[in-house]
Amino acid sequence: MTDPNIHHESHGNHPMSLLAFVLLLAGGALSALWIVTLADLPEGRTMNITYGVLALGCLVSAALIFRHLTTHLHHSPVMPDNTQSEIDRYLAKVR
């Protein structure tokens, strides 16, 4: 069971940023597969459509996660929260 009196300092990166980054990588790989299957279009139409839809889904999901982190949580999706108030709060807590 966790103790509510123990607090760990975070590194500042939101965990959803990692998921969005992985989705960007997957979307890039799937879009490459989508481009490659364009050469085999009459026979490989099903795979082409599948790769295209998956690539678009990954890229749109990553964009929505980044947008949510930025607008609703006021958290930079790619940079840690190193504002002056956060640094002062951390130094006051550690010292």
PDB file of N, CA and C in Angstrom:
ATOM      1  N   MET A   1       0.834  -1.176   0.000  1.00  0.00           N
ATOM      2  CA  MET A   1       0.000   0.000   0.000  1.00  0.00           C
ATOM      3  C   MET A   1       0.884   1.247   0.000  1.00  0.00           C
ATOM      4  N   THR A   2       0.462   2.261  -0.710  1.00  0.00           N
ATOM      5  CA  THR A   2       1.279   3.465  -0.822  1.00  0.00           C
ATOM      6  C   THR A   2       1.028   4.393   0.357  1.00  0.00           C
ATOM      7  N   ASP A   3       2.063   5.081   0.732  1.00  0.00           N
ATOM      8  CA  ASP A   3       1.992   6.039   1.828  1.00  0.00           C
ATOM      9  C   ASP A   3       1.716   7.424   1.246  1.00  0.00           C
ATOM     10  N   PRO A   4       0.615   8.075   1.624  1.00  0.00           N
ATOM     11  CA  PRO A   4       0.303   9.388   1.032  1.00  0.00           C
ATOM     12  C   PRO A   4       1.247  10.491   1.492  1.00  0.00           C
ATOM     13  N   ASN A   5       2.058  10.238   2.519  1.00  0.00           N
ATOM     14  CA  ASN A   5       2.984  11.258   3.001  1.00  0.00           C
ATOM     15  C   ASN A   5       4.290  11.281   2.228  1.00  0.00           C
ATOM     16  N   ILE A   6       4.535  10.285   1.398  1.00  0.00           N
ATOM     17  CA  ILE A   6       5.758  10.227   0.604  1.00  0.00           C
ATOM     18  C   ILE A   6       5.484  10.847  -0.757  1.00  0.00           C
ATOM     19  N   HIS A   7       6.289  11.844  -1.115  1.00  0.00           N
ATOM     20  CA  HIS A   7       6.134  12.508  -2.404  1.00  0.00           C
ATOM     21  C   HIS A   7       7.434  12.355  -3.178  1.00  0.00           C
ATOM     22  N   HIS A   8       7.314  11.997  -4.427  1.00  0.00           N
ATOM     23  CA  HIS A   8       8.476  11.873  -5.295  1.00  0.00           C
ATOM     24  C   HIS A   8       8.462  13.009  -6.289  1.00  0.00           C
ATOM     25  N   GLU A   9       9.607  13.597  -6.501  1.00  0.00           N
ATOM     26  CA  GLU A   9       9.708  14.664  -7.493  1.00  0.00           C
ATOM     27  C   GLU A   9       9.699  14.047  -8.887  1.00  0.00           C
ATOM     28  N   SER A  10       8.949  14.645  -9.750  1.00  0.00           N
ATOM     29  CA  SER A  10       8.858  14.175 -11.121  1.00  0.00           C
ATOM     30  C   SER A  10       9.957  14.828 -11.956  1.00  0.00           C
ATOM     31  N   HIS A  11      10.282  14.199 -13.051  1.00  0.00           N
ATOM     32  CA  HIS A  11      11.254  14.774 -13.964  1.00  0.00           C
ATOM     33  C   HIS A  11      10.617  15.824 -14.854  1.00  0.00           C
ATOM     34  N   GLY A  12       9.302  15.988 -14.782  1.00  0.00           N
ATOM     35  CA  GLY A  12       8.629  17.040 -15.531  1.00  0.00           C
ATOM     36  C   GLY A  12       7.972  16.578 -16.809  1.00  0.00           C
ATOM     37  N   ASN A  13       8.281  15.400 -17.291  1.00  0.00           N
ATOM     38  CA  ASN A  13       7.655  14.903 -18.510  1.00  0.00           C
ATOM     39  C   ASN A  13       6.370  14.167 -18.164  1.00  0.00           C
ATOM     40  N   HIS A  14       5.342  14.435 -18.901  1.00  0.00           N
ATOM     41  CA  HIS A  14       4.069  13.766 -18.683  1.00  0.00           C
ATOM     42  C   HIS A  14       4.128  12.375 -19.320  1.00  0.00           C
ATOM     43  N   PRO A  15       3.569  11.342 -18.675  1.00  0.00           N
ATOM     44  CA  PRO A  15       3.626   9.989 -19.254  1.00  0.00           C
ATOM     45  C   PRO A  15       2.925   9.881 -20.606  1.00  0.00           C
ATOM     46  N   MET A  16       1.920  10.710 -20.836  1.00  0.00           N
ATOM     47  CA  MET A  16       1.237  10.641 -22.127  1.00  0.00           C
ATOM     48  C   MET A  16       2.114  11.160 -23.268  1.00  0.00           C
ATOM     49  N   SER A  17       3.136  11.948 -22.939  1.00  0.00           N
ATOM     50  CA  SER A  17       4.073  12.391 -23.972  1.00  0.00           C
ATOM     51  C   SER A  17       4.807  11.204 -24.576  1.00  0.00           C
ATOM     52  N   LEU A  18       5.152  10.247 -23.738  1.00  0.00           N
ATOM     53  CA  LEU A  18       5.831   9.048 -24.242  1.00  0.00           C
ATOM     54  C   LEU A  18       4.906   8.267 -25.170  1.00  0.00           C
ATOM     55  N   LEU A  19       3.646   8.126 -24.788  1.00  0.00           N
ATOM     56  CA  LEU A  19       2.695   7.417 -25.640  1.00  0.00           C
ATOM     57  C   LEU A  19       2.530   8.134 -26.979  1.00  0.00           C
ATOM     58  N   ALA A  20       2.432   9.440 -26.950  1.00  0.00           N
ATOM     59  CA  ALA A  20       2.287  10.194 -28.195  1.00  0.00           C
ATOM     60  C   ALA A  20       3.529  10.058 -29.068  1.00  0.00           C
ATOM     61  N   PHE A  21       4.702  10.027 -28.442  1.00  0.00           N
ATOM     62  CA  PHE A  21       5.934   9.849 -29.218  1.00  0.00           C
ATOM     63  C   PHE A  21       5.965   8.479 -29.881  1.00  0.00           C
ATOM     64  N   VAL A  22       5.563   7.447 -29.155  1.00  0.00           N
ATOM     65  CA  VAL A  22       5.523   6.097 -29.724  1.00  0.00           C
ATOM     66  C   VAL A  22       4.497   6.039 -30.851  1.00  0.00           C
ATOM     67  N   LEU A  23       3.368   6.712 -30.684  1.00  0.00           N
ATOM     68  CA  LEU A  23       2.378   6.757 -31.753  1.00  0.00           C
ATOM     69  C   LEU A  23       2.916   7.477 -32.990  1.00  0.00           C
ATOM     70  N   LEU A  24       3.715   8.519 -32.788  1.00  0.00           N
ATOM     71  CA  LEU A  24       4.344   9.185 -33.939  1.00  0.00           C
ATOM     72  C   LEU A  24       5.296   8.251 -34.670  1.00  0.00           C
ATOM     73  N   LEU A  25       6.083   7.502 -33.918  1.00  0.00           N
ATOM     74  CA  LEU A  25       6.994   6.549 -34.557  1.00  0.00           C
ATOM     75  C   LEU A  25       6.228   5.470 -35.313  1.00  0.00           C
ATOM     76  N   ALA A  26       5.183   4.946 -34.690  1.00  0.00           N
ATOM     77  CA  ALA A  26       4.378   3.911 -35.345  1.00  0.00           C
ATOM     78  C   ALA A  26       3.684   4.473 -36.575  1.00  0.00           C
ATOM     79  N   GLY A  27       3.181   5.704 -36.475  1.00  0.00           N
ATOM     80  CA  GLY A  27       2.536   6.327 -37.627  1.00  0.00           C
ATOM     81  C   GLY A  27       3.499   6.531 -38.782  1.00  0.00           C
ATOM     82  N   GLY A  28       4.745   6.893 -38.473  1.00  0.00           N
ATOM     83  CA  GLY A  28       5.747   7.041 -39.531  1.00  0.00           C
ATOM     84  C   GLY A  28       6.080   5.718 -40.197  1.00  0.00           C
ATOM     85  N   ALA A  29       6.219   4.667 -39.393  1.00  0.00           N
ATOM     86  CA  ALA A  29       6.514   3.343 -39.958  1.00  0.00           C
ATOM     87  C   ALA A  29       5.343   2.835 -40.794  1.00  0.00           C
ATOM     88  N   LEU A  30       4.133   3.026 -40.293  1.00  0.00           N
ATOM     89  CA  LEU A  30       2.960   2.567 -41.049  1.00  0.00           C
ATOM     90  C   LEU A  30       2.747   3.376 -42.318  1.00  0.00           C
ATOM     91  N   SER A  31       3.079   4.665 -42.284  1.00  0.00           N
ATOM     92  CA  SER A  31       2.948   5.451 -43.517  1.00  0.00           C
ATOM     93  C   SER A  31       3.990   5.034 -44.549  1.00  0.00           C
ATOM     94  N   ALA A  32       5.161   4.610 -44.086  1.00  0.00           N
ATOM     95  CA  ALA A  32       6.160   4.075 -45.022  1.00  0.00           C
ATOM     96  C   ALA A  32       5.654   2.777 -45.662  1.00  0.00           C
ATOM     97  N   LEU A  33       5.045   1.919 -44.854  1.00  0.00           N
ATOM     98  CA  LEU A  33       4.468   0.689 -45.410  1.00  0.00           C
ATOM     99  C   LEU A  33       3.317   1.014 -46.360  1.00  0.00           C
ATOM    100  N   TRP A  34       2.560   2.047 -46.057  1.00  0.00           N
ATOM    101  CA  TRP A  34       1.469   2.454 -46.928  1.00  0.00           C
ATOM    102  C   TRP A  34       2.006   2.896 -48.291  1.00  0.00           C
ATOM    103  N   ILE A  35       3.102   3.675 -48.282  1.00  0.00           N
ATOM    104  CA  ILE A  35       3.711   4.125 -49.541  1.00  0.00           C
ATOM    105  C   ILE A  35       4.248   2.937 -50.336  1.00  0.00           C
ATOM    106  N   VAL A  36       4.877   1.983 -49.646  1.00  0.00           N
ATOM    107  CA  VAL A  36       5.448   0.818 -50.334  1.00  0.00           C
ATOM    108  C   VAL A  36       4.357  -0.022 -50.977  1.00  0.00           C
ATOM    109  N   THR A  37       3.215  -0.167 -50.304  1.00  0.00           N
ATOM    110  CA  THR A  37       2.148  -0.997 -50.873  1.00  0.00           C
ATOM    111  C   THR A  37       1.403  -0.305 -52.011  1.00  0.00           C
ATOM    112  N   LEU A  38       1.691   0.971 -52.263  1.00  0.00           N
ATOM    113  CA  LEU A  38       1.079   1.629 -53.421  1.00  0.00           C
ATOM    114  C   LEU A  38       1.557   1.008 -54.735  1.00  0.00           C
ATOM    115  N   ALA A  39       2.749   0.428 -54.733  1.00  0.00           N
ATOM    116  CA  ALA A  39       3.281  -0.180 -55.948  1.00  0.00           C
ATOM    117  C   ALA A  39       2.529  -1.453 -56.320  1.00  0.00           C
ATOM    118  N   ASP A  40       1.869  -2.065 -55.345  1.00  0.00           N
ATOM    119  CA  ASP A  40       1.175  -3.332 -55.569  1.00  0.00           C
ATOM    120  C   ASP A  40      -0.334  -3.125 -55.438  1.00  0.00           C
ATOM    121  N   LEU A  41      -0.824  -2.023 -56.026  1.00  0.00           N
ATOM    122  CA  LEU A  41      -2.193  -1.624 -55.730  1.00  0.00           C
ATOM    123  C   LEU A  41      -3.299  -2.545 -56.208  1.00  0.00           C
ATOM    124  N   PRO A  42      -3.338  -3.036 -57.386  1.00  0.00           N
ATOM    125  CA  PRO A  42      -4.536  -3.831 -57.724  1.00  0.00           C
ATOM    126  C   PRO A  42      -4.708  -5.063 -56.827  1.00  0.00           C
ATOM    127  N   GLU A  43      -3.607  -5.740 -56.506  1.00  0.00           N
ATOM    128  CA  GLU A  43      -3.734  -6.940 -55.691  1.00  0.00           C
ATOM    129  C   GLU A  43      -3.697  -6.616 -54.194  1.00  0.00           C
ATOM    130  N   GLY A  44      -2.914  -5.632 -53.789  1.00  0.00           N
ATOM    131  CA  GLY A  44      -2.724  -5.340 -52.374  1.00  0.00           C
ATOM    132  C   GLY A  44      -3.573  -4.198 -51.868  1.00  0.00           C
ATOM    133  N   ARG A  45      -4.770  -4.046 -52.395  1.00  0.00           N
ATOM    134  CA  ARG A  45      -5.616  -2.929 -52.010  1.00  0.00           C
ATOM    135  C   ARG A  45      -6.002  -2.987 -50.527  1.00  0.00           C
ATOM    136  N   THR A  46      -6.289  -4.192 -50.023  1.00  0.00           N
ATOM    137  CA  THR A  46      -6.697  -4.329 -48.623  1.00  0.00           C
ATOM    138  C   THR A  46      -5.585  -3.909 -47.680  1.00  0.00           C
ATOM    139  N   MET A  47      -4.364  -4.365 -47.942  1.00  0.00           N
ATOM    140  CA  MET A  47      -3.229  -3.998 -47.092  1.00  0.00           C
ATOM    141  C   MET A  47      -2.920  -2.509 -47.209  1.00  0.00           C
ATOM    142  N   ASN A  48      -3.068  -1.959 -48.400  1.00  0.00           N
ATOM    143  CA  ASN A  48      -2.820  -0.533 -48.589  1.00  0.00           C
ATOM    144  C   ASN A  48      -3.789   0.302 -47.775  1.00  0.00           C
ATOM    145  N   ILE A  49      -5.050  -0.045 -47.817  1.00  0.00           N
ATOM    146  CA  ILE A  49      -6.055   0.685 -47.052  1.00  0.00           C
ATOM    147  C   ILE A  49      -5.811   0.505 -45.554  1.00  0.00           C
ATOM    148  N   THR A  50      -5.457  -0.706 -45.139  1.00  0.00           N
ATOM    149  CA  THR A  50      -5.205  -0.980 -43.721  1.00  0.00           C
ATOM    150  C   THR A  50      -4.038  -0.153 -43.202  1.00  0.00           C
ATOM    151  N   TYR A  51      -2.921  -0.151 -43.933  1.00  0.00           N
ATOM    152  CA  TYR A  51      -1.763   0.640 -43.509  1.00  0.00           C
ATOM    153  C   TYR A  51      -2.078   2.132 -43.486  1.00  0.00           C
ATOM    154  N   GLY A  52      -2.828   2.612 -44.472  1.00  0.00           N
ATOM    155  CA  GLY A  52      -3.180   4.019 -44.517  1.00  0.00           C
ATOM    156  C   GLY A  52      -4.067   4.440 -43.353  1.00  0.00           C
ATOM    157  N   VAL A  53      -5.052   3.622 -43.028  1.00  0.00           N
ATOM    158  CA  VAL A  53      -5.956   3.950 -41.922  1.00  0.00           C
ATOM    159  C   VAL A  53      -5.212   3.880 -40.595  1.00  0.00           C
ATOM    160  N   LEU A  54      -4.364   2.866 -40.412  1.00  0.00           N
ATOM    161  CA  LEU A  54      -3.596   2.758 -39.168  1.00  0.00           C
ATOM    162  C   LEU A  54      -2.614   3.922 -39.009  1.00  0.00           C
ATOM    163  N   ALA A  55      -1.944   4.294 -40.104  1.00  0.00           N
ATOM    164  CA  ALA A  55      -1.009   5.428 -40.046  1.00  0.00           C
ATOM    165  C   ALA A  55      -1.742   6.716 -39.698  1.00  0.00           C
ATOM    166  N   LEU A  56      -2.860   6.961 -40.340  1.00  0.00           N
ATOM    167  CA  LEU A  56      -3.635   8.156 -40.055  1.00  0.00           C
ATOM    168  C   LEU A  56      -4.145   8.148 -38.614  1.00  0.00           C
ATOM    169  N   GLY A  57      -4.590   6.993 -38.141  1.00  0.00           N
ATOM    170  CA  GLY A  57      -5.067   6.889 -36.760  1.00  0.00           C
ATOM    171  C   GLY A  57      -3.978   7.172 -35.749  1.00  0.00           C
ATOM    172  N   CYS A  58      -2.781   6.638 -35.986  1.00  0.00           N
ATOM    173  CA  CYS A  58      -1.664   6.887 -35.061  1.00  0.00           C
ATOM    174  C   CYS A  58      -1.272   8.356 -35.049  1.00  0.00           C
ATOM    175  N   LEU A  59      -1.166   8.961 -36.210  1.00  0.00           N
ATOM    176  CA  LEU A  59      -0.743  10.356 -36.286  1.00  0.00           C
ATOM    177  C   LEU A  59      -1.789  11.301 -35.706  1.00  0.00           C
ATOM    178  N   VAL A  60      -3.052  11.037 -35.968  1.00  0.00           N
ATOM    179  CA  VAL A  60      -4.107  11.888 -35.406  1.00  0.00           C
ATOM    180  C   VAL A  60      -4.185  11.711 -33.895  1.00  0.00           C
ATOM    181  N   SER A  61      -4.030  10.479 -33.404  1.00  0.00           N
ATOM    182  CA  SER A  61      -4.044  10.240 -31.958  1.00  0.00           C
ATOM    183  C   SER A  61      -2.901  10.975 -31.265  1.00  0.00           C
ATOM    184  N   ALA A  62      -1.717  10.927 -31.841  1.00  0.00           N
ATOM    185  CA  ALA A  62      -0.578  11.632 -31.264  1.00  0.00           C
ATOM    186  C   ALA A  62      -0.822  13.142 -31.252  1.00  0.00           C
ATOM    187  N   ALA A  63      -1.382  13.670 -32.318  1.00  0.00           N
ATOM    188  CA  ALA A  63      -1.671  15.105 -32.370  1.00  0.00           C
ATOM    189  C   ALA A  63      -2.714  15.496 -31.319  1.00  0.00           C
ATOM    190  N   LEU A  64      -3.716  14.652 -31.124  1.00  0.00           N
ATOM    191  CA  LEU A  64      -4.739  14.946 -30.114  1.00  0.00           C
ATOM    192  C   LEU A  64      -4.167  14.894 -28.705  1.00  0.00           C
ATOM    193  N   ILE A  65      -3.262  13.961 -28.451  1.00  0.00           N
ATOM    194  CA  ILE A  65      -2.625  13.881 -27.132  1.00  0.00           C
ATOM    195  C   ILE A  65      -1.774  15.124 -26.882  1.00  0.00           C
ATOM    196  N   PHE A  66      -0.971  15.512 -27.871  1.00  0.00           N
ATOM    197  CA  PHE A  66      -0.147  16.711 -27.716  1.00  0.00           C
ATOM    198  C   PHE A  66      -1.020  17.953 -27.513  1.00  0.00           C
ATOM    199  N   ARG A  67      -2.122  18.046 -28.237  1.00  0.00           N
ATOM    200  CA  ARG A  67      -3.022  19.193 -28.096  1.00  0.00           C
ATOM    201  C   ARG A  67      -3.650  19.216 -26.701  1.00  0.00           C
ATOM    202  N   HIS A  68      -4.069  18.065 -26.216  1.00  0.00           N
ATOM    203  CA  HIS A  68      -4.677  17.993 -24.885  1.00  0.00           C
ATOM    204  C   HIS A  68      -3.665  18.382 -23.806  1.00  0.00           C
ATOM    205  N   LEU A  69      -2.443  17.903 -23.929  1.00  0.00           N
ATOM    206  CA  LEU A  69      -1.421  18.251 -22.947  1.00  0.00           C
ATOM    207  C   LEU A  69      -1.138  19.743 -22.941  1.00  0.00           C
ATOM    208  N   THR A  70      -1.125  20.343 -24.108  1.00  0.00           N
ATOM    209  CA  THR A  70      -0.790  21.756 -24.210  1.00  0.00           C
ATOM    210  C   THR A  70      -1.939  22.656 -23.754  1.00  0.00           C
ATOM    211  N   THR A  71      -3.143  22.375 -24.224  1.00  0.00           N
ATOM    212  CA  THR A  71      -4.248  23.297 -23.962  1.00  0.00           C
ATOM    213  C   THR A  71      -4.943  23.046 -22.633  1.00  0.00           C
ATOM    214  N   HIS A  72      -5.224  21.810 -22.301  1.00  0.00           N
ATOM    215  CA  HIS A  72      -6.025  21.531 -21.114  1.00  0.00           C
ATOM    216  C   HIS A  72      -5.189  21.366 -19.850  1.00  0.00           C
ATOM    217  N   LEU A  73      -4.016  20.765 -19.967  1.00  0.00           N
ATOM    218  CA  LEU A  73      -3.181  20.541 -18.793  1.00  0.00           C
ATOM    219  C   LEU A  73      -2.095  21.590 -18.637  1.00  0.00           C
ATOM    220  N   HIS A  74      -1.954  22.479 -19.628  1.00  0.00           N
ATOM    221  CA  HIS A  74      -0.929  23.526 -19.613  1.00  0.00           C
ATOM    222  C   HIS A  74       0.445  22.919 -19.346  1.00  0.00           C
ATOM    223  N   HIS A  75       0.736  21.854 -20.052  1.00  0.00           N
ATOM    224  CA  HIS A  75       1.980  21.122 -19.876  1.00  0.00           C
ATOM    225  C   HIS A  75       2.611  20.961 -21.249  1.00  0.00           C
ATOM    226  N   SER A  76       3.865  21.307 -21.362  1.00  0.00           N
ATOM    227  CA  SER A  76       4.541  21.145 -22.643  1.00  0.00           C
ATOM    228  C   SER A  76       4.685  19.661 -22.938  1.00  0.00           C
ATOM    229  N   PRO A  77       4.258  19.212 -24.101  1.00  0.00           N
ATOM    230  CA  PRO A  77       4.314  17.785 -24.385  1.00  0.00           C
ATOM    231  C   PRO A  77       5.716  17.251 -24.639  1.00  0.00           C
ATOM    232  N   VAL A  78       6.650  18.113 -24.962  1.00  0.00           N
ATOM    233  CA  VAL A  78       7.981  17.618 -25.288  1.00  0.00           C
ATOM    234  C   VAL A  78       9.083  18.131 -24.370  1.00  0.00           C
ATOM    235  N   MET A  79       8.816  19.189 -23.625  1.00  0.00           N
ATOM    236  CA  MET A  79       9.833  19.758 -22.743  1.00  0.00           C
ATOM    237  C   MET A  79       9.383  19.653 -21.289  1.00  0.00           C
ATOM    238  N   PRO A  80      10.307  19.392 -20.368  1.00  0.00           N
ATOM    239  CA  PRO A  80       9.939  19.396 -18.953  1.00  0.00           C
ATOM    240  C   PRO A  80       9.490  20.790 -18.507  1.00  0.00           C
ATOM    241  N   ASP A  81       8.745  20.814 -17.422  1.00  0.00           N
ATOM    242  CA  ASP A  81       8.228  22.079 -16.895  1.00  0.00           C
ATOM    243  C   ASP A  81       9.323  22.747 -16.081  1.00  0.00           C
ATOM    244  N   ASN A  82      10.161  23.543 -16.727  1.00  0.00           N
ATOM    245  CA  ASN A  82      11.280  24.212 -16.073  1.00  0.00           C
ATOM    246  C   ASN A  82      11.047  25.707 -15.966  1.00  0.00           C
ATOM    247  N   THR A  83       9.864  26.076 -15.538  1.00  0.00           N
ATOM    248  CA  THR A  83       9.587  27.492 -15.337  1.00  0.00           C
ATOM    249  C   THR A  83      10.241  27.944 -14.039  1.00  0.00           C
ATOM    250  N   GLN A  84      10.351  29.245 -13.876  1.00  0.00           N
ATOM    251  CA  GLN A  84      11.003  29.775 -12.682  1.00  0.00           C
ATOM    252  C   GLN A  84      10.217  29.431 -11.424  1.00  0.00           C
ATOM    253  N   SER A  85       8.894  29.451 -11.474  1.00  0.00           N
ATOM    254  CA  SER A  85       8.095  29.097 -10.298  1.00  0.00           C
ATOM    255  C   SER A  85       8.274  27.630  -9.931  1.00  0.00           C
ATOM    256  N   GLU A  86       8.413  26.761 -10.919  1.00  0.00           N
ATOM    257  CA  GLU A  86       8.637  25.340 -10.637  1.00  0.00           C
ATOM    258  C   GLU A  86      10.025  25.117 -10.036  1.00  0.00           C
ATOM    259  N   ILE A  87      11.015  25.823 -10.530  1.00  0.00           N
ATOM    260  CA  ILE A  87      12.361  25.718  -9.970  1.00  0.00           C
ATOM    261  C   ILE A  87      12.387  26.221  -8.537  1.00  0.00           C
ATOM    262  N   ASP A  88      11.729  27.359  -8.263  1.00  0.00           N
ATOM    263  CA  ASP A  88      11.665  27.890  -6.899  1.00  0.00           C
ATOM    264  C   ASP A  88      10.940  26.936  -5.962  1.00  0.00           C
ATOM    265  N   ARG A  89       9.852  26.335  -6.422  1.00  0.00           N
ATOM    266  CA  ARG A  89       9.114  25.386  -5.593  1.00  0.00           C
ATOM    267  C   ARG A  89       9.972  24.178  -5.271  1.00  0.00           C
ATOM    268  N   TYR A  90      10.699  23.681  -6.267  1.00  0.00           N
ATOM    269  CA  TYR A  90      11.566  22.524  -6.057  1.00  0.00           C
ATOM    270  C   TYR A  90      12.694  22.848  -5.079  1.00  0.00           C
ATOM    271  N   LEU A  91      13.342  24.011  -5.261  1.00  0.00           N
ATOM    272  CA  LEU A  91      14.440  24.379  -4.366  1.00  0.00           C
ATOM    273  C   LEU A  91      13.952  24.608  -2.941  1.00  0.00           C
ATOM    274  N   ALA A  92      12.768  25.187  -2.785  1.00  0.00           N
ATOM    275  CA  ALA A  92      12.223  25.397  -1.443  1.00  0.00           C
ATOM    276  C   ALA A  92      11.890  24.061  -0.782  1.00  0.00           C
ATOM    277  N   LYS A  93      11.466  23.099  -1.547  1.00  0.00           N
ATOM    278  CA  LYS A  93      11.116  21.800  -0.993  1.00  0.00           C
ATOM    279  C   LYS A  93      12.347  20.982  -0.653  1.00  0.00           C
ATOM    280  N   VAL A  94      13.374  21.073  -1.477  1.00  0.00           N
ATOM    281  CA  VAL A  94      14.579  20.267  -1.273  1.00  0.00           C
ATOM    282  C   VAL A  94      15.472  20.849  -0.177  1.00  0.00           C
ATOM    283  N   ARG A  95      15.582  22.154  -0.119  1.00  0.00           N
ATOM    284  CA  ARG A  95      16.483  22.780   0.856  1.00  0.00           C
ATOM    285  C   ARG A  95      15.950  22.726   2.219  1.00  0.00           C
TER     286      ARG A  95
END
